[in-house]
């Protein structure tokens, strides 16, 4: 496991969950399901089954440094990477991967959001272990795909085909195309066709493979971090990032890299996944009483209410 690394992306503001999620306290730092743990804490614990704790990095906005330190007890300061500005997922992932490459040139890295729900954790662990094995053995980029259960227009889709070589894991397929959130008719077609998966936004690769891909498909971003490699993991890192980050293009890893690369694979997985991206998806996963109300909080009185979400602190009436 010493070559297994994890990058947790925890810098978003969760704007679709306003007013519960606010800029100064976004959803990844909230016990949104009433389980006693925040989404970030659940995600961190999940990856302890796959990587040593010293190999887990959290990338977040500098606004949230104290929230991360409060919630992930004992995490080392150099494992919390602070973004001075929001630049989407490509710069965030590049920062972490170039830093890790200097620590361990053999590193295999899983990158995941901090605010997703995964109900089948053991199945998830097996899926990521399979992706690690694939990424360690060849020059490729691997992503996790979820079999669609409905024609959802809120998710990206991945079309797959059989790999040219026989895969040791029959769930591993070659990626044919990526499609961002389709309209309803197209989403229905994708589900019926059987060769499309939801894009879970979870990626696995060897650090050499991803840096080669950045160099080939995102050369400007590659140059920014490559030229500062001598400053990563030193006392000069924070100043380098403050100066470099505003120069990074605001772009997702999907658009910038995954959709362009020709060595991308997807591993189909049934892990009880949701990105908890809307109030509707949250409601679906919460326990409900007889009138369909999903309640988090000890002192909640309901009158003529049905199919509602009520989420209040324990000591509030």
Protein backbone atom coordinates (compact mmCIF):
# COMPACT_ATOMS: atom_id res chain seq x y z
CA UNK A 1 0.00 0.00 0.00
CA UNK A 2 3.00 2.35 0.35
CA UNK A 3 2.68 3.48 -3.29
CA UNK A 4 -1.08 4.16 -2.95
CA UNK A 5 -1.99 7.83 -2.56
CA UNK A 6 -5.30 9.64 -2.30
CA UNK A 7 -6.24 13.21 -3.20
CA UNK A 8 -9.54 14.44 -1.72
CA UNK A 9 -10.96 17.56 -3.38
CA UNK A 10 -12.71 19.66 -0.71
CA UNK A 11 -12.73 23.21 -2.05
CA UNK A 12 -16.27 23.62 -3.42
CA UNK A 13 -18.90 25.94 -1.94
CA UNK A 14 -21.93 23.64 -2.39
CA UNK A 15 -24.08 26.50 -3.67
CA UNK A 16 -27.00 24.24 -4.62
CA UNK A 17 -27.49 23.41 -0.93
CA UNK A 18 -27.99 26.99 0.20
CA UNK A 19 -29.01 28.00 2.87
CA UNK A 20 -27.62 24.96 4.73
CA UNK A 21 -24.37 25.12 2.75
CA UNK A 22 -22.78 28.56 2.76
CA UNK A 23 -19.52 29.92 1.39
CA UNK A 24 -17.94 30.01 4.87
CA UNK A 25 -19.21 26.50 5.77
CA UNK A 26 -19.94 24.39 2.67
CA UNK A 27 -21.65 21.00 2.50
CA UNK A 28 -18.52 18.79 2.70
CA UNK A 29 -18.02 20.09 6.26
CA UNK A 30 -21.64 19.39 7.32
CA UNK A 31 -23.22 16.23 8.74
CA UNK A 32 -25.72 16.47 5.93
CA UNK A 33 -27.29 13.01 6.43
CA UNK A 34 -27.45 13.09 10.23
CA UNK A 35 -24.97 10.19 10.62
CA UNK A 36 -22.74 11.87 13.20
CA UNK A 37 -19.98 12.45 10.62
CA UNK A 38 -19.50 15.10 7.96
CA UNK A 39 -19.12 14.11 4.30
CA UNK A 40 -15.39 14.94 4.46
CA UNK A 41 -14.90 12.75 7.53
CA UNK A 42 -16.72 9.85 5.84
CA UNK A 43 -14.59 10.24 2.69
CA UNK A 44 -11.32 10.37 4.67
CA UNK A 45 -12.21 7.23 6.66
CA UNK A 46 -13.14 5.41 3.44
CA UNK A 47 -9.69 6.01 1.94
CA UNK A 48 -7.86 4.84 5.07
CA UNK A 49 -8.82 1.36 3.83
CA UNK A 50 -6.80 1.97 0.65
CA UNK A 51 -3.84 4.19 1.62
CA UNK A 52 -1.68 4.92 4.68
CA UNK A 53 -2.93 8.09 6.38
CA UNK A 54 0.33 9.93 5.54
CA UNK A 55 -0.48 9.35 1.84
CA UNK A 56 -3.87 11.10 1.97
CA UNK A 57 -3.90 14.72 0.78
CA UNK A 58 -6.83 17.14 1.06
CA UNK A 59 -6.96 20.02 -1.42
CA UNK A 60 -9.20 22.85 -0.24
CA UNK A 61 -9.58 26.59 -0.39
CA UNK A 62 -7.44 28.51 2.10
CA UNK A 63 -10.72 29.71 3.70
CA UNK A 64 -11.31 26.16 4.97
CA UNK A 65 -7.94 25.35 6.54
CA UNK A 66 -9.29 25.45 10.10
CA UNK A 67 -12.40 23.42 9.18
CA UNK A 68 -10.21 20.65 7.73
CA UNK A 69 -7.92 20.67 10.77
CA UNK A 70 -10.90 20.58 13.15
CA UNK A 71 -12.57 17.66 11.37
CA UNK A 72 -9.57 15.52 10.39
CA UNK A 73 -7.73 15.26 13.70
CA UNK A 74 -3.97 14.88 13.51
CA UNK A 75 -3.62 15.45 9.76
CA UNK A 76 -0.17 16.81 9.02
CA UNK A 77 -0.01 20.41 7.82
CA UNK A 78 1.80 19.49 4.60
CA UNK A 79 -1.05 17.10 3.68
CA UNK A 80 -3.59 19.95 3.50
CA UNK A 81 -3.05 21.81 0.21
CA UNK A 82 -4.51 25.30 0.21
CA UNK A 83 -5.80 26.90 -2.98
CA UNK A 84 -5.63 30.73 -2.99
CA UNK A 85 -8.32 30.88 -5.71
CA UNK A 86 -10.98 28.59 -7.22
CA UNK A 87 -9.79 27.28 -10.57
CA UNK A 88 -11.93 24.12 -11.02
CA UNK A 89 -10.56 20.58 -10.83
CA UNK A 90 -7.64 20.51 -13.32
CA UNK A 91 -5.32 22.92 -11.42
CA UNK A 92 -6.36 21.39 -8.09
CA UNK A 93 -5.45 17.88 -9.31
CA UNK A 94 -2.26 19.07 -11.02
CA UNK A 95 -1.05 20.75 -7.80
CA UNK A 96 -1.50 17.55 -5.79
CA UNK A 97 -0.08 15.20 -8.44
CA UNK A 98 3.08 17.22 -9.12
CA UNK A 99 3.68 17.50 -5.37
CA UNK A 100 3.20 13.72 -4.90
CA UNK A 101 5.45 12.94 -7.90
CA UNK A 102 8.32 14.63 -6.09
CA UNK A 103 7.66 12.58 -2.95
CA UNK A 104 7.25 9.25 -4.74
CA UNK A 105 7.79 8.85 -8.52
CA UNK A 106 6.10 5.40 -8.32
CA UNK A 107 2.88 6.74 -6.75
CA UNK A 108 -0.52 5.44 -7.82
CA UNK A 109 -3.12 8.09 -7.06
CA UNK A 110 -6.90 8.03 -6.58
CA UNK A 111 -8.59 11.43 -6.84
CA UNK A 112 -12.09 11.85 -5.41
CA UNK A 113 -14.56 14.56 -4.34
CA UNK A 114 -15.14 15.02 -0.61
CA UNK A 115 -18.92 15.26 -0.79
CA UNK A 116 -20.15 12.04 -2.43
CA UNK A 117 -22.19 9.29 -0.81
CA UNK A 118 -20.98 5.69 -1.19
CA UNK A 119 -23.18 3.12 0.52
CA UNK A 120 -21.30 -0.07 -0.44
CA UNK A 121 -17.87 0.70 0.96
CA UNK A 122 -16.33 -2.78 0.60
CA UNK A 123 -17.40 -2.93 -3.05
CA UNK A 124 -15.88 0.53 -3.51
CA UNK A 125 -12.57 -0.58 -1.96
CA UNK A 126 -12.40 -3.59 -4.33
CA UNK A 127 -13.17 -1.33 -7.32
CA UNK A 128 -10.38 1.13 -6.45
CA UNK A 129 -7.92 -1.73 -5.80
CA UNK A 130 -8.67 -3.02 -9.31
CA UNK A 131 -8.10 0.49 -10.73
CA UNK A 132 -4.81 0.79 -8.82
CA UNK A 133 -3.65 -2.53 -10.33
CA UNK A 134 -4.53 -1.36 -13.85
CA UNK A 135 -2.88 2.06 -13.39
CA UNK A 136 0.29 0.58 -11.87
CA UNK A 137 0.74 -1.87 -14.73
CA UNK A 138 0.36 0.36 -17.78
CA UNK A 139 0.30 3.94 -19.06
CA UNK A 140 -3.39 4.75 -18.68
CA UNK A 141 -5.94 6.96 -16.93
CA UNK A 142 -8.82 5.18 -15.18
CA UNK A 143 -12.17 6.57 -14.09
CA UNK A 144 -15.03 5.02 -12.13
CA UNK A 145 -18.38 4.60 -13.90
CA UNK A 146 -21.78 3.89 -12.35
CA UNK A 147 -24.51 1.91 -14.14
CA UNK A 148 -27.44 4.35 -14.64
CA UNK A 149 -30.61 3.51 -12.73
CA UNK A 150 -32.66 6.29 -14.36
CA UNK A 151 -32.31 8.77 -17.25
CA UNK A 152 -30.70 11.50 -15.14
CA UNK A 153 -29.88 14.82 -16.85
CA UNK A 154 -27.72 16.02 -13.95
CA UNK A 155 -24.81 13.62 -14.53
CA UNK A 156 -22.11 13.30 -17.17
CA UNK A 157 -22.02 10.03 -19.13
CA UNK A 158 -19.17 7.80 -20.31
CA UNK A 159 -19.57 5.57 -23.37
CA UNK A 160 -17.40 2.45 -23.33
CA UNK A 161 -16.32 -0.32 -25.67
CA UNK A 162 -14.41 -3.56 -25.20
CA UNK A 163 -10.66 -3.15 -24.68
CA UNK A 164 -8.31 -4.35 -27.41
CA UNK A 165 -6.48 -6.59 -24.91
CA UNK A 166 -8.17 -9.06 -22.58
CA UNK A 167 -8.63 -7.36 -19.21
CA UNK A 168 -7.95 -9.22 -15.96
CA UNK A 169 -10.99 -7.35 -14.55
CA UNK A 170 -14.05 -7.91 -16.81
CA UNK A 171 -15.58 -4.64 -15.52
CA UNK A 172 -12.69 -2.62 -17.01
CA UNK A 173 -13.52 -1.14 -20.44
CA UNK A 174 -11.93 1.30 -22.87
CA UNK A 175 -13.59 4.74 -22.93
CA UNK A 176 -15.10 5.76 -26.26
CA UNK A 177 -16.67 9.16 -25.49
CA UNK A 178 -17.56 11.52 -22.65
CA UNK A 179 -20.85 13.45 -22.75
CA UNK A 180 -21.70 16.25 -20.34
CA UNK A 181 -25.21 16.51 -18.84
CA UNK A 182 -27.55 15.50 -21.72
CA UNK A 183 -31.20 16.43 -22.26
CA UNK A 184 -33.89 13.95 -21.15
CA UNK A 185 -34.33 12.22 -24.53
CA UNK A 186 -30.60 11.66 -24.87
CA UNK A 187 -30.37 10.44 -21.26
CA UNK A 188 -33.13 7.90 -21.98
CA UNK A 189 -31.26 6.72 -25.08
CA UNK A 190 -27.99 6.41 -23.11
CA UNK A 191 -29.65 4.25 -20.46
CA UNK A 192 -31.38 1.98 -22.99
CA UNK A 193 -28.27 1.48 -25.13
CA UNK A 194 -26.42 -0.28 -22.29
CA UNK A 195 -22.95 1.02 -23.15
CA UNK A 196 -23.08 4.25 -21.11
CA UNK A 197 -22.20 4.81 -17.45
CA UNK A 198 -22.57 7.79 -15.15
CA UNK A 199 -19.31 9.66 -14.64
CA UNK A 200 -18.59 9.47 -10.88
CA UNK A 201 -15.73 12.00 -11.03
CA UNK A 202 -13.34 9.56 -9.32
CA UNK A 203 -10.00 9.02 -11.11
CA UNK A 204 -7.06 6.64 -10.68
CA UNK A 205 -3.65 6.83 -12.38
CA UNK A 206 0.05 6.38 -11.91
CA UNK A 207 1.72 9.74 -11.31
CA UNK A 208 3.95 9.36 -14.39
CA UNK A 209 0.93 8.71 -16.62
CA UNK A 210 -0.99 11.75 -15.42
CA UNK A 211 2.01 14.09 -15.70
CA UNK A 212 2.65 12.81 -19.25
CA UNK A 213 -1.02 13.54 -20.01
CA UNK A 214 -0.80 17.08 -18.57
CA UNK A 215 2.32 17.70 -20.66
CA UNK A 216 0.61 16.46 -23.83
CA UNK A 217 -2.91 17.87 -23.47
CA UNK A 218 -2.54 20.81 -21.07
CA UNK A 219 1.01 22.10 -21.78
CA UNK A 220 0.45 25.55 -20.24
CA UNK A 221 -0.70 24.07 -16.92
CA UNK A 222 2.13 21.51 -17.05
CA UNK A 223 4.74 24.24 -17.51
CA UNK A 224 3.43 26.28 -14.58
CA UNK A 225 3.85 23.38 -12.14
CA UNK A 226 6.90 21.75 -13.77
CA UNK A 227 8.88 24.99 -13.50
CA UNK A 228 8.06 25.18 -9.79
CA UNK A 229 8.88 21.55 -8.95
CA UNK A 230 11.96 22.58 -6.94
CA UNK A 231 9.71 24.62 -4.63
CA UNK A 232 7.11 21.92 -3.95
CA UNK A 233 7.49 20.22 -0.55
CA UNK A 234 9.74 23.07 0.65
CA UNK A 235 9.20 26.27 2.66
CA UNK A 236 8.77 28.10 -0.68
CA UNK A 237 5.72 26.08 -1.75
CA UNK A 238 3.04 28.41 -0.35
CA UNK A 239 4.50 31.50 -2.05
CA UNK A 240 4.91 29.59 -5.33
CA UNK A 241 1.24 28.48 -5.24
CA UNK A 242 0.00 32.00 -4.37
CA UNK A 243 1.84 33.36 -7.40
CA UNK A 244 1.07 30.48 -9.79
CA UNK A 245 -2.57 29.65 -9.07
CA UNK A 246 -4.11 32.85 -10.49
CA UNK A 247 -2.31 32.07 -13.80
CA UNK A 248 -4.01 28.67 -14.09
CA UNK A 249 -6.89 28.32 -16.54
CA UNK A 250 -10.27 27.71 -14.89
CA UNK A 251 -11.05 24.27 -16.35
CA UNK A 252 -12.22 20.85 -15.22
CA UNK A 253 -10.06 17.75 -15.48
CA UNK A 254 -12.75 16.19 -17.71
CA UNK A 255 -12.60 18.93 -20.36
CA UNK A 256 -8.89 19.61 -20.05
CA UNK A 257 -7.55 16.09 -20.02
CA UNK A 258 -9.89 13.07 -19.84
CA UNK A 259 -11.91 13.93 -22.97
CA UNK A 260 -8.73 14.40 -25.02
CA UNK A 261 -6.62 11.45 -23.93
CA UNK A 262 -6.71 8.18 -25.89
CA UNK A 263 -5.60 5.89 -23.05
CA UNK A 264 -8.65 6.28 -20.78
CA UNK A 265 -10.44 3.31 -19.21
CA UNK A 266 -13.60 3.09 -17.12
CA UNK A 267 -14.32 0.56 -14.41
CA UNK A 268 -18.05 -0.16 -14.03
CA UNK A 269 -19.01 -0.26 -10.35
CA UNK A 270 -22.16 -0.78 -8.27
CA UNK A 271 -21.13 1.06 -5.11
CA UNK A 272 -24.36 2.74 -3.98
CA UNK A 273 -23.10 6.08 -5.29
CA UNK A 274 -24.68 9.53 -5.32
CA UNK A 275 -22.98 12.89 -5.78
CA UNK A 276 -25.56 14.45 -3.40
CA UNK A 277 -25.71 17.33 -5.85
CA UNK A 278 -29.29 18.46 -5.24
CA UNK A 279 -31.88 18.56 -2.46
CA UNK A 280 -33.74 15.84 -4.41
CA UNK A 281 -30.76 13.46 -4.36
CA UNK A 282 -30.24 14.18 -0.65
CA UNK A 283 -33.92 13.45 0.14
CA UNK A 284 -33.67 10.14 -1.69
CA UNK A 285 -30.93 8.93 0.69
CA UNK A 286 -32.35 10.18 4.01
CA UNK A 287 -34.50 8.17 6.44
CA UNK A 288 -38.13 9.30 6.30
CA UNK A 289 -41.07 9.09 8.72
CA UNK A 290 -44.60 7.95 7.79
CA UNK A 291 -45.53 11.21 6.02
CA UNK A 292 -42.36 11.23 3.96
CA UNK A 293 -40.56 13.88 6.03
CA UNK A 294 -36.77 13.49 6.29
CA UNK A 295 -35.76 14.94 9.65
CA UNK A 296 -32.31 15.61 11.13
CA UNK A 297 -32.46 17.13 14.62
CA UNK A 298 -33.74 16.09 18.05
CA UNK A 299 -36.40 18.74 18.72
CA UNK A 300 -38.48 18.90 15.54
CA UNK A 301 -42.28 19.24 15.69
CA UNK A 302 -44.15 18.78 12.40
CA UNK A 303 -47.64 20.15 11.67
CA UNK A 304 -49.50 19.37 8.41
CA UNK A 305 -46.15 18.68 6.71
CA UNK A 306 -45.31 15.95 4.24
CA UNK A 307 -42.37 15.12 1.93
CA UNK A 308 -40.15 17.80 3.54
CA UNK A 309 -36.50 17.94 4.55
CA UNK A 310 -35.97 19.46 8.01
CA UNK A 311 -32.33 19.78 9.10
CA UNK A 312 -31.54 21.65 12.32
CA UNK A 313 -28.80 21.52 15.00
CA UNK A 314 -29.49 19.05 17.84
CA UNK A 315 -30.13 21.74 20.47
CA UNK A 316 -32.46 23.84 18.31
CA UNK A 317 -36.25 23.61 18.47
